Amino acid sequence: MYFRKLLFTGLLAVCACAESQSISEKAKNDEVIVRDNNDPAMRKAMSRVAETLPAFLKLASNPKPGTSRYSLKVGISDGRNTEYFWVGNFSRNENAFTGTLNNEPRLVKNHKLGERITFTPKQIADWMYVDERSNKMVGNFTACALLSKEPPAQAAAFKQQYGLSCEE
């Protein structure tokens, strides 16, 4: 599924992933990517998410023509591991959200791809959507943080392939 290929599953977790793989290969294979949430780039990304989430949610409730794939990245824990998933087809009611899990769980085994889940605003770690007119991904700040640790050529190739802009 194209949507799963352009997004990352994990930020924090214990994983024996091969570090020799490029970020594009990991995304293509829907693999967990391990990063510390105390990493300065990740902290900056989370700050941007918090600042921009209200405007994103407003836009997602009334999408502009030519935009699609509105999604939230949500942290889910099984008590031992925390894994981050993209959740689509989400809706909000009072104090919670419900949406469809768009990644295959690798570490958190109490959920499955395509499952409808309920989550709180505190679990939201990122957001994104696609502007189809410009073929650009908007948001996905955590991907930019992950790409900041990649070799420049690999990061640039990924950004070009998926239309991701990491400029302020």
N, C-alpha and C. Protein backbone atom coordinates (compact mmCIF):
# COMPACT_ATOMS: atom_id res chain seq x y z
N MET A 1 0.84 -1.17 0.00
CA MET A 1 0.00 0.00 0.00
C MET A 1 0.89 1.24 0.00
N TYR A 2 0.69 2.14 -0.95
CA TYR A 2 1.50 3.34 -1.10
C TYR A 2 1.58 4.14 0.19
N PHE A 3 0.44 4.29 0.85
CA PHE A 3 0.38 5.11 2.05
C PHE A 3 1.33 4.59 3.12
N ARG A 4 1.35 3.28 3.34
CA ARG A 4 2.22 2.71 4.36
C ARG A 4 3.68 2.89 4.00
N LYS A 5 4.01 2.88 2.74
CA LYS A 5 5.40 3.01 2.33
C LYS A 5 5.97 4.39 2.60
N LEU A 6 5.14 5.41 2.63
CA LEU A 6 5.70 6.75 2.79
C LEU A 6 5.73 7.23 4.22
N LEU A 7 5.41 6.39 5.14
CA LEU A 7 5.37 6.81 6.52
C LEU A 7 6.16 5.86 7.40
N PHE A 8 6.54 6.33 8.57
CA PHE A 8 7.35 5.54 9.48
C PHE A 8 6.52 4.96 10.59
N THR A 9 6.87 3.75 10.99
CA THR A 9 6.16 3.08 12.06
C THR A 9 6.62 3.56 13.42
N GLY A 10 7.88 3.50 13.72
CA GLY A 10 8.29 3.71 15.10
C GLY A 10 9.26 4.83 15.35
N LEU A 11 9.24 5.32 16.56
CA LEU A 11 10.18 6.31 17.03
C LEU A 11 10.97 5.77 18.21
N LEU A 12 10.28 5.13 19.12
CA LEU A 12 10.89 4.63 20.35
C LEU A 12 10.53 3.17 20.50
N ALA A 13 11.48 2.36 20.66
CA ALA A 13 11.23 0.95 20.87
C ALA A 13 12.56 0.24 20.95
N VAL A 14 12.53 -1.00 21.30
CA VAL A 14 13.75 -1.80 21.27
C VAL A 14 13.64 -2.65 20.02
N CYS A 15 14.65 -2.56 19.17
CA CYS A 15 14.57 -3.22 17.88
C CYS A 15 15.95 -3.69 17.45
N ALA A 16 16.01 -4.83 16.82
CA ALA A 16 17.26 -5.33 16.29
C ALA A 16 17.32 -5.06 14.79
N CYS A 17 16.92 -3.86 14.37
CA CYS A 17 16.90 -3.50 12.95
C CYS A 17 18.32 -3.37 12.44
N ALA A 18 18.52 -3.73 11.21
CA ALA A 18 19.83 -3.58 10.59
C ALA A 18 20.09 -2.11 10.33
N GLU A 19 21.10 -1.56 10.97
CA GLU A 19 21.39 -0.14 10.81
C GLU A 19 21.98 0.18 9.45
N SER A 20 22.37 -0.84 8.69
CA SER A 20 22.94 -0.57 7.38
C SER A 20 21.87 -0.22 6.34
N GLN A 21 20.61 -0.50 6.64
CA GLN A 21 19.54 -0.16 5.71
C GLN A 21 19.31 1.34 5.69
N SER A 22 18.98 1.84 4.51
CA SER A 22 18.64 3.26 4.40
C SER A 22 17.25 3.48 4.97
N ILE A 23 16.95 4.73 5.26
CA ILE A 23 15.63 5.09 5.77
C ILE A 23 14.55 4.73 4.74
N SER A 24 14.85 4.87 3.46
CA SER A 24 13.89 4.51 2.41
C SER A 24 13.60 3.02 2.42
N GLU A 25 14.64 2.20 2.62
CA GLU A 25 14.44 0.75 2.67
C GLU A 25 13.60 0.37 3.88
N LYS A 26 13.88 1.01 5.01
CA LYS A 26 13.10 0.71 6.21
C LYS A 26 11.64 1.13 6.03
N ALA A 27 11.40 2.29 5.44
CA ALA A 27 10.03 2.74 5.21
C ALA A 27 9.32 1.82 4.22
N LYS A 28 10.02 1.43 3.16
CA LYS A 28 9.43 0.54 2.16
C LYS A 28 9.00 -0.78 2.80
N ASN A 29 9.81 -1.29 3.73
CA ASN A 29 9.52 -2.55 4.39
C ASN A 29 8.66 -2.38 5.64
N ASP A 30 8.22 -1.13 5.92
CA ASP A 30 7.37 -0.84 7.07
C ASP A 30 8.02 -1.31 8.36
N GLU A 31 9.31 -1.04 8.50
CA GLU A 31 10.06 -1.47 9.67
C GLU A 31 10.05 -0.41 10.76
N VAL A 32 10.28 -0.86 11.97
CA VAL A 32 10.40 0.03 13.11
C VAL A 32 11.72 0.78 13.00
N ILE A 33 11.68 2.07 13.27
CA ILE A 33 12.87 2.90 13.29
C ILE A 33 13.03 3.40 14.72
N VAL A 34 14.17 3.13 15.31
CA VAL A 34 14.38 3.42 16.72
C VAL A 34 15.06 4.78 16.89
N ARG A 35 14.44 5.63 17.72
CA ARG A 35 15.02 6.93 18.06
C ARG A 35 14.65 7.28 19.48
N ASP A 36 15.51 8.00 20.14
CA ASP A 36 15.30 8.45 21.51
C ASP A 36 14.48 9.73 21.48
N ASN A 37 13.45 9.82 22.31
CA ASN A 37 12.63 11.03 22.30
C ASN A 37 13.35 12.22 22.94
N ASN A 38 14.53 12.01 23.51
CA ASN A 38 15.34 13.12 24.02
C ASN A 38 16.28 13.67 22.96
N ASP A 39 16.28 13.07 21.79
CA ASP A 39 17.08 13.56 20.68
C ASP A 39 16.62 14.98 20.34
N PRO A 40 17.54 15.95 20.20
CA PRO A 40 17.14 17.33 19.93
C PRO A 40 16.25 17.49 18.69
N ALA A 41 16.55 16.77 17.62
CA ALA A 41 15.73 16.88 16.41
C ALA A 41 14.32 16.35 16.67
N MET A 42 14.22 15.27 17.45
CA MET A 42 12.90 14.71 17.75
C MET A 42 12.14 15.64 18.70
N ARG A 43 12.81 16.22 19.66
CA ARG A 43 12.13 17.17 20.56
C ARG A 43 11.61 18.37 19.78
N LYS A 44 12.40 18.86 18.82
CA LYS A 44 11.96 19.98 17.99
C LYS A 44 10.74 19.57 17.16
N ALA A 45 10.76 18.36 16.63
CA ALA A 45 9.62 17.87 15.84
C ALA A 45 8.37 17.80 16.70
N MET A 46 8.49 17.26 17.90
CA MET A 46 7.34 17.14 18.79
C MET A 46 6.79 18.51 19.18
N SER A 47 7.68 19.48 19.33
CA SER A 47 7.24 20.85 19.63
C SER A 47 6.44 21.42 18.47
N ARG A 48 6.91 21.19 17.25
CA ARG A 48 6.18 21.66 16.06
C ARG A 48 4.83 20.98 15.94
N VAL A 49 4.78 19.71 16.27
CA VAL A 49 3.50 18.98 16.24
C VAL A 49 2.52 19.62 17.21
N ALA A 50 2.96 19.86 18.43
CA ALA A 50 2.08 20.45 19.45
C ALA A 50 1.58 21.83 19.02
N GLU A 51 2.44 22.63 18.42
CA GLU A 51 2.06 23.97 17.98
C GLU A 51 1.06 23.96 16.83
N THR A 52 1.18 22.99 15.95
CA THR A 52 0.39 22.99 14.72
C THR A 52 -0.80 22.04 14.73
N LEU A 53 -0.89 21.18 15.74
CA LEU A 53 -1.97 20.18 15.78
C LEU A 53 -3.37 20.81 15.74
N PRO A 54 -3.65 21.86 16.50
CA PRO A 54 -5.02 22.43 16.42
C PRO A 54 -5.40 22.87 15.00
N ALA A 55 -4.49 23.51 14.30
CA ALA A 55 -4.79 23.95 12.92
C ALA A 55 -4.98 22.75 12.00
N PHE A 56 -4.17 21.70 12.19
CA PHE A 56 -4.31 20.49 11.39
C PHE A 56 -5.68 19.85 11.63
N LEU A 57 -6.07 19.72 12.89
CA LEU A 57 -7.36 19.09 13.20
C LEU A 57 -8.52 19.88 12.61
N LYS A 58 -8.41 21.19 12.62
CA LYS A 58 -9.44 22.03 12.00
C LYS A 58 -9.50 21.78 10.50
N LEU A 59 -8.33 21.72 9.85
CA LEU A 59 -8.28 21.45 8.41
C LEU A 59 -8.79 20.05 8.10
N ALA A 60 -8.42 19.08 8.91
CA ALA A 60 -8.85 17.70 8.68
C ALA A 60 -10.36 17.55 8.81
N SER A 61 -10.99 18.38 9.61
CA SER A 61 -12.45 18.29 9.77
C SER A 61 -13.18 18.88 8.57
N ASN A 62 -12.49 19.67 7.76
CA ASN A 62 -13.07 20.27 6.56
C ASN A 62 -11.95 20.38 5.51
N PRO A 63 -11.52 19.25 4.94
CA PRO A 63 -10.35 19.24 4.04
C PRO A 63 -10.52 20.11 2.81
N LYS A 64 -9.42 20.72 2.41
CA LYS A 64 -9.41 21.49 1.17
C LYS A 64 -9.48 20.54 -0.02
N PRO A 65 -10.11 20.97 -1.11
CA PRO A 65 -10.10 20.13 -2.33
C PRO A 65 -8.65 19.87 -2.75
N GLY A 66 -8.41 18.66 -3.23
CA GLY A 66 -7.07 18.30 -3.69
C GLY A 66 -6.14 17.84 -2.59
N THR A 67 -6.69 17.62 -1.39
CA THR A 67 -5.88 17.10 -0.29
C THR A 67 -6.49 15.77 0.17
N SER A 68 -5.64 14.90 0.72
CA SER A 68 -6.12 13.59 1.15
C SER A 68 -5.16 12.98 2.17
N ARG A 69 -5.47 11.79 2.58
CA ARG A 69 -4.64 10.97 3.48
C ARG A 69 -4.33 11.65 4.81
N TYR A 70 -5.30 12.34 5.34
CA TYR A 70 -5.14 12.96 6.65
C TYR A 70 -4.91 11.86 7.68
N SER A 71 -3.82 11.96 8.41
CA SER A 71 -3.44 10.91 9.35
C SER A 71 -2.79 11.49 10.59
N LEU A 72 -2.91 10.74 11.67
CA LEU A 72 -2.26 11.08 12.94
C LEU A 72 -1.30 9.96 13.30
N LYS A 73 -0.13 10.31 13.80
CA LYS A 73 0.81 9.30 14.32
C LYS A 73 0.51 9.19 15.81
N VAL A 74 0.25 7.96 16.25
CA VAL A 74 -0.22 7.71 17.60
C VAL A 74 0.69 6.71 18.30
N GLY A 75 1.08 7.02 19.53
CA GLY A 75 1.87 6.11 20.34
C GLY A 75 0.97 5.14 21.08
N ILE A 76 1.25 3.85 20.91
CA ILE A 76 0.47 2.80 21.55
C ILE A 76 1.43 1.91 22.33
N SER A 77 1.06 1.61 23.57
CA SER A 77 1.90 0.79 24.43
C SER A 77 1.18 -0.50 24.78
N ASP A 78 1.96 -1.56 24.92
CA ASP A 78 1.40 -2.83 25.39
C ASP A 78 1.86 -3.12 26.82
N GLY A 79 2.42 -2.10 27.47
CA GLY A 79 2.93 -2.27 28.82
C GLY A 79 4.44 -2.51 28.86
N ARG A 80 4.99 -3.05 27.77
CA ARG A 80 6.43 -3.28 27.66
C ARG A 80 7.06 -2.38 26.62
N ASN A 81 6.42 -2.27 25.49
CA ASN A 81 6.93 -1.50 24.37
C ASN A 81 5.95 -0.41 23.98
N THR A 82 6.50 0.66 23.42
CA THR A 82 5.68 1.70 22.80
C THR A 82 6.07 1.75 21.34
N GLU A 83 5.07 1.74 20.49
CA GLU A 83 5.29 1.79 19.05
C GLU A 83 4.38 2.87 18.50
N TYR A 84 4.84 3.56 17.47
CA TYR A 84 4.08 4.65 16.88
C TYR A 84 3.53 4.22 15.53
N PHE A 85 2.23 4.49 15.34
CA PHE A 85 1.52 4.07 14.15
C PHE A 85 0.84 5.26 13.49
N TRP A 86 0.71 5.19 12.18
CA TRP A 86 -0.13 6.15 11.47
C TRP A 86 -1.55 5.64 11.53
N VAL A 87 -2.46 6.54 11.87
CA VAL A 87 -3.88 6.22 12.00
C VAL A 87 -4.65 7.12 11.04
N GLY A 88 -5.41 6.49 10.15
CA GLY A 88 -6.21 7.23 9.17
C GLY A 88 -7.69 7.10 9.48
N ASN A 89 -8.50 7.73 8.64
CA ASN A 89 -9.95 7.71 8.81
C ASN A 89 -10.33 7.99 10.26
N PHE A 90 -9.71 9.02 10.82
CA PHE A 90 -9.96 9.30 12.23
C PHE A 90 -11.10 10.30 12.39
N SER A 91 -11.72 10.20 13.55
CA SER A 91 -12.76 11.14 13.93
C SER A 91 -12.57 11.46 15.41
N ARG A 92 -13.10 12.59 15.80
CA ARG A 92 -12.95 13.04 17.19
C ARG A 92 -14.31 13.11 17.84
N ASN A 93 -14.37 12.62 19.06
CA ASN A 93 -15.56 12.81 19.88
C ASN A 93 -15.09 13.27 21.25
N GLU A 94 -15.76 14.12 21.87
CA GLU A 94 -15.43 14.71 23.16
C GLU A 94 -13.95 14.71 23.50
N ASN A 95 -13.45 13.68 24.19
CA ASN A 95 -12.06 13.68 24.66
C ASN A 95 -11.20 12.60 24.02
N ALA A 96 -11.66 11.99 22.94
CA ALA A 96 -10.91 10.89 22.33
C ALA A 96 -11.06 10.91 20.82
N PHE A 97 -10.22 10.14 20.17
CA PHE A 97 -10.25 9.95 18.73
C PHE A 97 -10.44 8.46 18.46
N THR A 98 -10.98 8.16 17.30
CA THR A 98 -11.07 6.79 16.81
C THR A 98 -10.56 6.82 15.37
N GLY A 99 -9.76 5.81 15.01
CA GLY A 99 -9.23 5.74 13.66
C GLY A 99 -8.74 4.35 13.32
N THR A 100 -8.26 4.21 12.09
CA THR A 100 -7.82 2.92 11.56
C THR A 100 -6.30 2.83 11.55
N LEU A 101 -5.76 1.78 12.15
CA LEU A 101 -4.32 1.55 12.22
C LEU A 101 -3.80 1.25 10.81
N ASN A 102 -2.83 2.06 10.34
CA ASN A 102 -2.33 1.92 8.97
C ASN A 102 -0.95 1.27 8.87
N ASN A 103 -0.43 0.75 9.97
CA ASN A 103 0.85 0.05 9.94
C ASN A 103 0.70 -1.31 10.61
N GLU A 104 1.50 -2.25 10.16
CA GLU A 104 1.55 -3.58 10.77
C GLU A 104 2.35 -3.48 12.06
N PRO A 105 1.77 -3.81 13.21
CA PRO A 105 2.54 -3.77 14.46
C PRO A 105 3.72 -4.72 14.42
N ARG A 106 4.84 -4.27 14.93
CA ARG A 106 6.06 -5.09 15.00
C ARG A 106 6.41 -5.43 16.44
N LEU A 107 6.20 -4.48 17.35
CA LEU A 107 6.57 -4.68 18.75
C LEU A 107 5.36 -4.80 19.66
N VAL A 108 4.34 -4.03 19.38
CA VAL A 108 3.11 -4.03 20.18
C VAL A 108 2.17 -5.06 19.55
N LYS A 109 2.00 -6.16 20.21
CA LYS A 109 1.28 -7.30 19.61
C LYS A 109 -0.21 -7.34 19.92
N ASN A 110 -0.73 -6.37 20.67
CA ASN A 110 -2.15 -6.42 21.00
C ASN A 110 -3.02 -5.64 20.02
N HIS A 111 -2.46 -5.27 18.85
CA HIS A 111 -3.21 -4.59 17.80
C HIS A 111 -2.81 -5.16 16.44
N LYS A 112 -3.61 -4.86 15.41
CA LYS A 112 -3.29 -5.36 14.08
C LYS A 112 -3.63 -4.32 13.02
N LEU A 113 -2.98 -4.43 11.88
CA LEU A 113 -3.21 -3.56 10.73
C LEU A 113 -4.70 -3.54 10.40
N GLY A 114 -5.24 -2.35 10.18
CA GLY A 114 -6.64 -2.20 9.80
C GLY A 114 -7.61 -2.14 10.97
N GLU A 115 -7.12 -2.36 12.17
CA GLU A 115 -7.98 -2.32 13.35
C GLU A 115 -8.41 -0.90 13.66
N ARG A 116 -9.64 -0.73 14.12
CA ARG A 116 -10.13 0.57 14.59
C ARG A 116 -9.70 0.69 16.05
N ILE A 117 -9.03 1.80 16.37
CA ILE A 117 -8.56 2.01 17.73
C ILE A 117 -9.08 3.35 18.25
N THR A 118 -9.12 3.46 19.56
CA THR A 118 -9.47 4.71 20.22
C THR A 118 -8.24 5.19 20.97
N PHE A 119 -7.99 6.51 20.90
CA PHE A 119 -6.81 7.07 21.53
C PHE A 119 -7.10 8.49 21.99
N THR A 120 -6.23 8.97 22.88
CA THR A 120 -6.41 10.31 23.45
C THR A 120 -5.50 11.31 22.73
N PRO A 121 -5.78 12.59 22.88
CA PRO A 121 -4.89 13.59 22.28
C PRO A 121 -3.45 13.48 22.78
N LYS A 122 -3.25 13.04 24.01
CA LYS A 122 -1.88 12.90 24.55
C LYS A 122 -1.06 11.85 23.81
N GLN A 123 -1.71 10.93 23.13
CA GLN A 123 -1.01 9.88 22.39
C GLN A 123 -0.56 10.33 21.00
N ILE A 124 -1.02 11.48 20.56
CA ILE A 124 -0.69 11.96 19.21
C ILE A 124 0.74 12.49 19.19
N ALA A 125 1.56 11.94 18.28
CA ALA A 125 2.96 12.31 18.16
C ALA A 125 3.26 13.07 16.88
N ASP A 126 2.36 13.04 15.90
CA ASP A 126 2.60 13.71 14.62
C ASP A 126 1.30 13.73 13.83
N TRP A 127 1.33 14.45 12.72
CA TRP A 127 0.20 14.50 11.80
C TRP A 127 0.76 14.69 10.39
N MET A 128 -0.07 14.38 9.40
CA MET A 128 0.32 14.62 8.00
C MET A 128 -0.89 14.51 7.09
N TYR A 129 -0.73 15.10 5.92
CA TYR A 129 -1.68 14.90 4.83
C TYR A 129 -0.94 15.11 3.53
N VAL A 130 -1.57 14.77 2.42
CA VAL A 130 -0.97 14.92 1.10
C VAL A 130 -1.72 15.97 0.32
N ASP A 131 -0.97 16.92 -0.24
CA ASP A 131 -1.52 17.91 -1.16
C ASP A 131 -1.31 17.33 -2.55
N GLU A 132 -2.36 16.81 -3.13
CA GLU A 132 -2.26 16.11 -4.41
C GLU A 132 -1.95 17.03 -5.58
N ARG A 133 -2.29 18.30 -5.46
CA ARG A 133 -2.01 19.24 -6.55
C ARG A 133 -0.51 19.44 -6.72
N SER A 134 0.20 19.51 -5.61
CA SER A 134 1.66 19.71 -5.67
C SER A 134 2.42 18.41 -5.44
N ASN A 135 1.69 17.32 -5.15
CA ASN A 135 2.28 16.03 -4.84
C ASN A 135 3.26 16.13 -3.66
N LYS A 136 2.85 16.89 -2.65
CA LYS A 136 3.68 17.12 -1.47
C LYS A 136 3.02 16.56 -0.23
N MET A 137 3.87 16.04 0.65
CA MET A 137 3.43 15.61 1.97
C MET A 137 3.57 16.81 2.90
N VAL A 138 2.55 17.10 3.66
CA VAL A 138 2.55 18.22 4.60
C VAL A 138 2.55 17.63 6.00
N GLY A 139 3.37 18.18 6.88
CA GLY A 139 3.50 17.66 8.24
C GLY A 139 4.58 16.60 8.28
N ASN A 140 4.33 15.52 8.99
CA ASN A 140 5.27 14.41 9.17
C ASN A 140 6.61 14.93 9.70
N PHE A 141 6.53 15.72 10.75
CA PHE A 141 7.71 16.34 11.36
C PHE A 141 8.67 15.31 11.93
N THR A 142 8.14 14.18 12.42
CA THR A 142 9.02 13.16 12.98
C THR A 142 9.86 12.49 11.90
N ALA A 143 9.34 12.41 10.68
CA ALA A 143 10.16 11.88 9.59
C ALA A 143 11.35 12.79 9.33
N CYS A 144 11.11 14.10 9.39
CA CYS A 144 12.21 15.05 9.21
C CYS A 144 13.26 14.87 10.29
N ALA A 145 12.83 14.61 11.52
CA ALA A 145 13.78 14.37 12.61
C ALA A 145 14.58 13.10 12.35
N LEU A 146 13.91 12.05 11.90
CA LEU A 146 14.60 10.82 11.58
C LEU A 146 15.59 11.01 10.43
N LEU A 147 15.18 11.77 9.43
CA LEU A 147 16.04 12.01 8.27
C LEU A 147 17.26 12.84 8.62
N SER A 148 17.19 13.62 9.68
CA SER A 148 18.33 14.45 10.08
C SER A 148 19.53 13.60 10.50
N LYS A 149 19.30 12.32 10.78
CA LYS A 149 20.38 11.41 11.19
C LYS A 149 20.89 10.56 10.03
N GLU A 150 20.30 10.72 8.88
CA GLU A 150 20.67 9.93 7.71
C GLU A 150 21.74 10.66 6.88
N PRO A 151 22.50 9.91 6.09
CA PRO A 151 23.42 10.58 5.15
C PRO A 151 22.63 11.54 4.26
N PRO A 152 23.18 12.73 3.99
CA PRO A 152 22.45 13.75 3.22
C PRO A 152 21.87 13.25 1.90
N ALA A 153 22.59 12.44 1.18
CA ALA A 153 22.10 11.97 -0.12
C ALA A 153 20.87 11.07 0.06
N GLN A 154 20.88 10.21 1.08
CA GLN A 154 19.74 9.34 1.34
C GLN A 154 18.53 10.15 1.81
N ALA A 155 18.78 11.14 2.66
CA ALA A 155 17.68 11.99 3.14
C ALA A 155 17.07 12.77 1.98
N ALA A 156 17.90 13.31 1.12
CA ALA A 156 17.41 14.09 -0.03
C ALA A 156 16.60 13.20 -0.97
N ALA A 157 17.07 11.98 -1.20
CA ALA A 157 16.35 11.05 -2.08
C ALA A 157 14.99 10.71 -1.51
N PHE A 158 14.93 10.49 -0.20
CA PHE A 158 13.66 10.17 0.44
C PHE A 158 12.70 11.34 0.33
N LYS A 159 13.18 12.54 0.63
CA LYS A 159 12.32 13.73 0.56
C LYS A 159 11.77 13.91 -0.86
N GLN A 160 12.63 13.73 -1.85
CA GLN A 160 12.18 13.87 -3.23
C GLN A 160 11.18 12.79 -3.60
N GLN A 161 11.45 11.55 -3.23
CA GLN A 161 10.57 10.45 -3.57
C GLN A 161 9.17 10.62 -3.02
N TYR A 162 9.06 11.14 -1.78
CA TYR A 162 7.76 11.23 -1.13
C TYR A 162 7.21 12.64 -1.03
N GLY A 163 7.91 13.61 -1.60
CA GLY A 163 7.40 14.98 -1.60
C GLY A 163 7.39 15.59 -0.22
N LEU A 164 8.35 15.20 0.62
CA LEU A 164 8.42 15.69 1.98
C LEU A 164 9.33 16.92 2.05
N SER A 165 8.83 17.98 2.65
CA SER A 165 9.64 19.18 2.85
C SER A 165 9.91 19.33 4.33
N CYS A 166 11.16 19.52 4.68
CA CYS A 166 11.53 19.66 6.10
C CYS A 166 11.96 21.07 6.43
N GLU A 167 11.65 22.02 5.58
CA GLU A 167 11.98 23.41 5.86
C GLU A 167 11.02 23.95 6.91
N GLU A 168 11.48 24.91 7.64
CA GLU A 168 10.65 25.55 8.68
C GLU A 168 9.50 26.29 8.05
